[in-house]
Amino acid sequence: MATSDADDSLRIIAPFGLDDLFGMMVRRNPARASAEIYRRRVADKRYPERWPRVTVIHE
């Protein structure tokens, strides 16, 4: 995930490294979310609908 801060600097959040980011993969970070929360979040955010080239990794 990449976001811009108030000062227009870019902040990259890539807990699994940049390979997933540039490979357009979404996967659960077990330190932050349970499998159930991850599934719900993926459904709520509709990643495949919004970004058809994104691969969602289901564990």
Protein backbone atom coordinates (compact mmCIF):
# COMPACT_ATOMS: atom_id res chain seq x y z
CA MET A 1 0.00 0.00 0.00
CA ALA A 2 1.27 3.46 -0.77
CA THR A 3 -0.09 6.66 0.68
CA SER A 4 0.94 10.29 0.51
CA ASP A 5 1.43 12.22 3.72
CA ALA A 6 0.40 15.81 4.39
CA ASP A 7 3.78 17.02 3.14
CA ASP A 8 3.32 15.07 -0.15
CA SER A 9 5.95 12.50 0.80
CA LEU A 10 5.22 8.93 -0.17
CA ARG A 11 4.87 6.24 2.49
CA ILE A 12 4.99 2.60 1.40
CA ILE A 13 3.52 -0.09 3.62
CA ALA A 14 4.74 -3.50 2.47
CA PRO A 15 4.85 -5.99 5.36
CA PHE A 16 5.80 -8.82 2.97
CA GLY A 17 8.33 -6.82 0.99
CA LEU A 18 8.19 -4.96 -2.27
CA ASP A 19 7.80 -8.13 -4.35
CA ASP A 20 4.14 -8.41 -3.30
CA LEU A 21 3.59 -4.71 -3.85
CA PHE A 22 5.04 -4.69 -7.37
CA GLY A 23 3.55 -8.12 -8.09
CA MET A 24 0.11 -6.70 -7.22
CA MET A 25 -0.61 -9.29 -4.54
CA VAL A 26 -2.76 -8.84 -1.44
CA ARG A 27 -2.27 -11.24 1.43
CA ARG A 28 -3.09 -11.37 5.12
CA ASN A 29 -0.62 -10.06 7.66
CA PRO A 30 -1.12 -12.55 10.53
CA ALA A 31 0.33 -10.06 13.01
CA ARG A 32 -2.51 -7.63 12.25
CA ALA A 33 -5.63 -9.61 11.35
CA SER A 34 -7.22 -12.99 11.86
CA ALA A 35 -8.21 -15.01 8.82
CA GLU A 36 -11.87 -14.08 9.36
CA ILE A 37 -11.14 -10.35 9.58
CA TYR A 38 -8.96 -10.60 6.47
CA ARG A 39 -11.70 -12.36 4.48
CA ARG A 40 -14.23 -9.75 5.57
CA ARG A 41 -11.87 -6.90 4.72
CA VAL A 42 -11.12 -8.31 1.25
CA ALA A 43 -14.87 -8.66 0.60
CA ASP A 44 -15.62 -5.15 1.88
CA LYS A 45 -12.85 -3.52 -0.14
CA ARG A 46 -13.72 -5.50 -3.32
CA TYR A 47 -10.09 -5.63 -4.47
CA PRO A 48 -10.70 -7.89 -7.50
CA GLU A 49 -13.53 -5.67 -8.73
CA ARG A 50 -11.58 -2.44 -8.26
CA TRP A 51 -8.22 -3.75 -9.50
CA PRO A 52 -8.75 -6.78 -11.79
CA ARG A 53 -5.01 -7.45 -12.11
CA VAL A 54 -4.56 -7.79 -8.33
CA THR A 55 -4.12 -11.31 -6.98
CA VAL A 56 -5.75 -11.90 -3.60
CA ILE A 57 -4.00 -14.65 -1.65
CA HIS A 58 -6.46 -16.66 0.46
CA GLU A 59 -4.86 -18.75 3.15
